[in-house]
Protein backbone atom coordinates (compact mmCIF):
# COMPACT_ATOMS: atom_id res chain seq x y z
CA MET A 1 -0.01 0.03 0.02
CA VAL A 2 2.86 2.42 0.87
CA ARG A 3 4.62 1.60 -2.40
CA GLN A 4 1.46 2.32 -4.41
CA MET A 5 1.11 5.63 -2.69
CA ARG A 6 4.62 6.55 -3.43
CA ARG A 7 4.31 5.53 -7.01
CA LEU A 8 1.11 7.67 -7.37
CA SER A 9 2.80 10.66 -5.80
CA ALA A 10 5.75 10.28 -8.12
CA VAL A 11 3.44 10.19 -11.17
CA LEU A 12 1.51 13.30 -9.98
CA ALA A 13 4.60 15.05 -9.31
CA GLY A 14 6.01 14.36 -12.70
CA ALA A 15 2.72 15.45 -14.40
CA LEU A 16 2.71 18.69 -12.42
CA ALA A 17 6.27 19.34 -13.38
CA THR A 18 5.62 18.76 -17.08
CA ALA A 19 2.59 21.13 -16.98
CA LEU A 20 4.64 23.90 -15.43
CA LEU A 21 7.41 23.45 -18.05
CA SER A 22 4.97 23.55 -20.89
CA LEU A 23 3.26 26.69 -19.50
CA GLY A 24 6.69 28.34 -19.03
CA THR A 25 7.81 27.59 -22.55
CA THR A 26 4.57 28.22 -24.52
CA GLY A 27 3.00 31.17 -22.60
CA PRO A 28 5.02 34.04 -23.98
CA ALA A 29 4.99 32.51 -27.58
CA SER A 30 1.13 32.08 -27.64
CA ALA A 31 0.47 35.45 -26.06
CA ALA A 32 -1.65 37.73 -28.37
CA PRO A 33 0.24 40.69 -29.76
CA LYS A 34 -0.58 44.11 -28.23
CA PRO A 35 -2.76 46.28 -30.49
CA ALA A 36 -0.98 49.25 -31.99
CA PRO A 37 -1.56 52.51 -30.02
CA ALA A 38 -4.18 54.89 -31.41
CA ALA A 39 -3.04 58.13 -33.09
CA VAL A 40 -4.68 61.04 -35.02
CA ASP A 41 -3.52 63.35 -37.67
CA ILE A 42 -5.38 66.70 -38.27
CA THR A 43 -4.98 68.99 -41.37
CA GLY A 44 -7.07 72.00 -42.29
CA VAL A 45 -7.44 75.74 -42.24
CA GLY A 46 -4.76 77.44 -40.23
CA LEU A 47 -2.52 74.35 -40.03
CA SER A 48 0.67 74.84 -42.01
CA ALA A 49 1.68 71.26 -41.26
CA PRO A 50 -0.38 68.19 -40.09
CA LEU A 51 -1.10 68.15 -36.35
CA ARG A 52 0.12 64.79 -35.23
CA LEU A 53 -1.33 63.47 -31.96
CA ARG A 54 -0.04 60.23 -30.42
CA ALA A 55 -1.49 58.26 -27.61
CA GLU A 56 2.03 57.80 -25.99
CA THR A 57 2.36 61.57 -25.42
CA GLN A 58 -1.13 62.90 -25.67
CA PRO A 59 -3.79 60.24 -24.73
CA ALA A 60 -6.44 62.66 -23.62
CA HIS A 61 -6.33 64.74 -26.85
CA VAL A 62 -6.28 61.54 -28.99
CA GLY A 63 -9.30 60.16 -27.18
CA ALA A 64 -11.21 63.35 -27.31
CA VAL A 65 -10.73 63.73 -31.05
CA ILE A 66 -11.58 60.11 -31.80
CA ASP A 67 -14.72 60.57 -29.63
CA GLN A 68 -15.94 63.04 -32.28
CA VAL A 69 -16.36 60.45 -34.90
CA ASN A 70 -16.55 56.99 -33.17
CA PHE A 71 -20.35 57.29 -32.76
CA LEU A 72 -21.15 57.39 -36.43
CA SER A 73 -23.06 54.56 -37.80
CA GLY A 74 -25.45 53.79 -40.76
CA THR A 75 -25.42 55.62 -43.99
CA GLY A 76 -25.89 59.27 -42.84
CA MET A 77 -27.54 61.84 -44.84
CA ALA A 78 -26.82 62.05 -48.56
CA ASN A 79 -26.63 65.82 -48.72
CA GLY A 80 -25.08 68.23 -46.28
CA PRO A 81 -25.25 72.11 -45.75
CA LYS A 82 -24.40 74.43 -48.64
CA PRO A 83 -20.74 74.95 -49.05
CA ALA A 84 -21.07 78.53 -47.92
CA ASP A 85 -22.51 77.40 -44.61
CA LEU A 86 -19.83 74.81 -43.73
CA GLY A 87 -17.10 77.13 -42.53
CA PRO A 88 -13.44 75.79 -42.08
CA LYS A 89 -12.71 72.22 -42.75
CA TYR A 90 -10.49 69.83 -40.80
CA THR A 91 -9.67 66.42 -41.99
CA VAL A 92 -9.02 63.95 -39.24
CA VAL A 93 -7.23 60.65 -40.10
CA VAL A 94 -7.44 57.99 -37.26
CA LEU A 95 -4.44 55.71 -37.22
CA ALA A 96 -3.35 52.37 -35.55
CA GLY A 97 0.34 53.10 -34.85
CA GLU A 98 1.31 54.66 -38.01
CA THR A 99 -1.11 52.93 -40.27
CA PRO A 100 -4.09 55.04 -41.42
CA LYS A 101 -7.48 53.32 -40.83
CA GLN A 102 -10.28 56.00 -41.09
CA THR A 103 -10.67 59.56 -42.28
CA TYR A 104 -13.36 62.12 -41.76
CA ASP A 105 -13.97 65.81 -42.63
CA LEU A 106 -15.08 67.91 -39.67
CA TYR A 107 -16.84 71.25 -39.85
CA PRO A 108 -16.99 72.71 -36.38
CA LYS A 109 -18.28 76.12 -37.33
CA ALA A 110 -21.15 74.98 -39.84
CA VAL A 111 -24.43 76.78 -39.69
CA GLY A 112 -26.86 75.04 -37.63
CA GLY A 113 -24.24 73.05 -35.67
CA PRO A 114 -21.09 70.99 -36.31
CA ARG A 115 -21.09 68.49 -39.14
CA VAL A 116 -19.07 65.49 -39.92
CA TYR A 117 -18.58 64.06 -43.49
CA ARG A 118 -17.48 60.43 -43.90
CA PRO A 119 -15.94 59.83 -47.42
CA ALA A 120 -16.62 56.60 -49.18
CA LYS A 121 -12.92 56.01 -49.75
CA GLN A 122 -11.26 54.98 -46.55
CA PRO A 123 -7.46 54.38 -46.01
CA ASP A 124 -7.90 50.77 -44.92
CA GLY A 125 -9.83 49.83 -48.17
CA ARG A 126 -13.19 49.30 -46.44
CA LYS A 127 -16.28 49.57 -48.60
CA ILE A 128 -18.43 52.16 -46.92
CA SER A 129 -21.19 54.61 -48.04
CA ALA A 130 -20.40 58.36 -47.90
CA GLY A 131 -22.63 60.31 -45.61
CA TRP A 132 -23.14 63.52 -43.62
CA PHE A 133 -23.71 63.40 -39.82
CA LEU A 134 -24.60 65.89 -37.14
CA GLY A 135 -21.43 66.45 -34.99
CA ARG A 136 -20.99 66.95 -31.33
CA LEU A 137 -21.47 70.26 -29.85
CA SER A 138 -18.08 70.04 -28.25
CA MET A 139 -16.23 69.63 -31.59
CA SER A 140 -14.84 73.10 -31.79
CA GLU A 141 -13.57 73.08 -28.30
CA THR A 142 -11.97 69.66 -28.69
CA LEU A 143 -10.12 70.58 -31.84
CA ARG A 144 -8.97 73.84 -30.21
CA THR A 145 -7.59 72.24 -27.14
CA ALA A 146 -5.91 69.64 -29.39
CA GLY A 147 -4.06 72.46 -31.16
CA VAL A 148 -6.26 73.66 -33.98
CA PRO A 149 -6.26 77.43 -34.25
CA LEU A 150 -10.10 78.14 -33.44
CA GLU A 151 -11.60 80.75 -31.34
CA ARG A 152 -12.60 79.66 -27.86
CA GLN A 153 -16.23 78.93 -27.16
CA PHE A 154 -17.38 79.61 -23.65
CA ASP A 155 -20.97 78.45 -24.19
CA THR A 156 -20.30 74.79 -25.34
CA VAL A 157 -21.17 72.79 -22.33
CA SER A 158 -22.56 69.61 -23.88
CA GLY A 159 -21.01 66.76 -25.79
CA GLY A 160 -24.24 65.57 -27.36
CA VAL A 161 -24.89 65.07 -30.93
CA GLY A 162 -26.25 67.94 -33.16
CA GLY A 163 -27.69 71.19 -31.90
CA GLY A 164 -27.40 74.93 -32.77
CA GLU A 165 -24.54 77.37 -32.59
CA ARG A 166 -25.21 78.42 -29.07
CA VAL A 167 -26.06 76.03 -26.21
CA LEU A 168 -26.72 78.76 -23.47
CA PRO A 169 -28.04 82.30 -24.26
CA GLU A 170 -25.87 85.06 -22.84
CA ASP A 171 -28.38 86.22 -20.35
CA THR A 172 -28.34 82.84 -18.50
CA LEU A 173 -24.66 83.42 -17.71
CA ASP A 174 -25.49 86.26 -15.33
CA PRO A 175 -25.29 84.90 -11.77
CA ALA A 176 -26.95 87.98 -10.21
CA LYS A 177 -30.01 87.64 -12.50
CA ASP A 178 -30.18 83.95 -11.58
CA LEU A 179 -30.12 84.69 -7.86
CA ASN A 180 -32.83 87.52 -8.21
CA GLU A 181 -35.00 85.02 -10.17
CA ALA A 182 -34.53 82.29 -7.60
CA LEU A 183 -35.45 84.70 -4.74
CA GLY A 184 -38.51 85.95 -6.66
CA ASP A 185 -39.62 82.35 -7.26
CA LEU A 186 -39.20 81.63 -3.56
CA GLN A 187 -41.19 84.65 -2.56
CA ARG A 188 -44.11 83.58 -4.95
CA LEU A 189 -44.01 80.02 -3.50
CA LEU A 190 -44.22 81.35 0.06
CA LEU A 191 -47.04 83.73 -0.81
CA LEU A 192 -48.86 80.76 -2.43
CA ASN A 193 -48.43 78.54 0.52
CA VAL A 194 -49.74 81.29 2.83
CA GLY A 195 -52.75 81.73 0.60
CA VAL A 196 -53.44 77.95 0.69
CA MET A 197 -53.21 77.85 4.43
CA LEU A 198 -55.60 80.84 4.88
CA THR A 199 -58.10 79.20 2.49
CA ILE A 200 -57.93 75.92 4.46
CA THR A 201 -58.24 77.76 7.79
CA VAL A 202 -61.38 79.79 6.63
CA GLY A 203 -62.85 76.61 5.11
CA LEU A 204 -62.41 74.64 8.44
CA ALA A 205 -63.80 77.48 10.47
CA GLY A 206 -66.79 77.68 8.16
CA ILE A 207 -67.56 73.97 8.44
CA ALA A 208 -67.06 74.10 12.23
CA LEU A 209 -69.53 76.97 12.58
CA LEU A 210 -71.98 75.23 10.43
CA ILE A 211 -71.80 71.92 12.44
CA ARG A 212 -72.16 73.98 15.67
CA ARG A 213 -75.36 75.68 14.38
CA ARG A 214 -76.82 72.36 13.49
CA THR A 215 -76.11 70.66 16.77
CA ARG A 216 -77.91 73.35 18.82
């Protein structure tokens, strides 16, 4: 019995050692290669040379610019705004490492809100339909912070898709006016509550008086 247990232990030890050796020799070789880091190239009005953004050095800017186009799906609209209403054009090329994969034309100052045009011809050779899309309201500020020479927009507070040229009217940015309006609303609410309480009190008094008369 003891010999059988020793033999079983030796067999199990040998199998375990073989498994560990196989994992040690085949693990690195079978590991999947790391994907190439994302990158973005931007060309357009005001840029004398392409603006090259790389994830290794500017991950936040690369992610923000890619976020302007990564929501596009479907065929989009066949026709976009009139050329005179598009404003400055900026071509964004999305790369994997140094290999171009996708390209888009961005119009952050288009009348009626930012626009994105997706060309049918893509760098990676994919077959895709050309189309126009409503861009994110944050497009102009995203491009500006990434290095594109655009005027700063103080009223772009949302990253949603589509929208007009102004998110908040200028008069809503006045804190004094907001405070006065809040105090006025509070005063009206208090007066309304007082009026309701008086109405209830008078009503209860009237009911009590009526009951008292009937019980006499």
